[in-house]
C-alpha cells in the first residue's frame, strides 16, 4: 500500500504540474544566464 495509491487524480495532476513548473523555472534561469553571457560578447 503506497501513499500515491490514495491520491485523487487532481492531487496527482497538481504534483505533476508542480514538477513541470520547477523544471521550467530552472530552464528559464539557465537561458537567462546564457543570454547574459552571449550579450557580453
Protein backbone atom coordinates (compact mmCIF):
# COMPACT_ATOMS: atom_id res chain seq x y z
CA UNK A 1 0.00 0.00 0.00
CA UNK A 2 1.60 3.21 -1.17
CA UNK A 3 0.62 6.80 -0.47
CA UNK A 4 0.21 7.58 -4.17
CA UNK A 5 -2.48 4.90 -4.48
CA UNK A 6 -4.55 7.02 -2.13
CA UNK A 7 -4.24 10.24 -4.12
CA UNK A 8 -7.00 11.62 -6.28
CA UNK A 9 -6.45 12.43 -9.95
CA UNK A 10 -6.45 16.12 -9.05
CA UNK A 11 -3.69 15.63 -6.49
CA UNK A 12 -1.61 13.64 -8.95
CA UNK A 13 -2.11 16.30 -11.61
CA UNK A 14 -1.13 19.03 -9.16
CA UNK A 15 2.07 17.18 -8.26
CA UNK A 16 2.92 16.72 -11.94
CA UNK A 17 2.29 20.40 -12.67
CA UNK A 18 4.47 21.48 -9.73
CA UNK A 19 7.30 19.32 -11.06
CA UNK A 20 6.81 20.82 -14.52
CA UNK A 21 6.85 24.38 -13.16
CA UNK A 22 10.04 23.70 -11.21
CA UNK A 23 11.71 22.25 -14.30
CA UNK A 24 10.66 25.19 -16.47
CA UNK A 25 11.91 27.71 -13.88
CA UNK A 26 15.31 26.01 -13.85
CA UNK A 27 15.38 26.02 -17.65
CA UNK A 28 14.41 29.68 -17.69
CA UNK A 29 17.23 30.60 -15.28
CA UNK A 30 19.74 28.73 -17.44
CA UNK A 31 18.50 30.54 -20.55
CA UNK A 32 18.70 33.92 -18.80
CA UNK A 33 22.30 33.24 -17.78
CA UNK A 34 23.15 32.10 -21.30
CA UNK A 35 21.59 35.28 -22.71
CA UNK A 36 23.72 37.39 -20.35
CA UNK A 37 26.88 35.55 -21.38
CA UNK A 38 26.03 35.88 -25.08
CA UNK A 39 25.19 39.55 -24.61
CA UNK A 40 28.65 40.34 -23.24
CA UNK A 41 30.44 39.19 -26.40
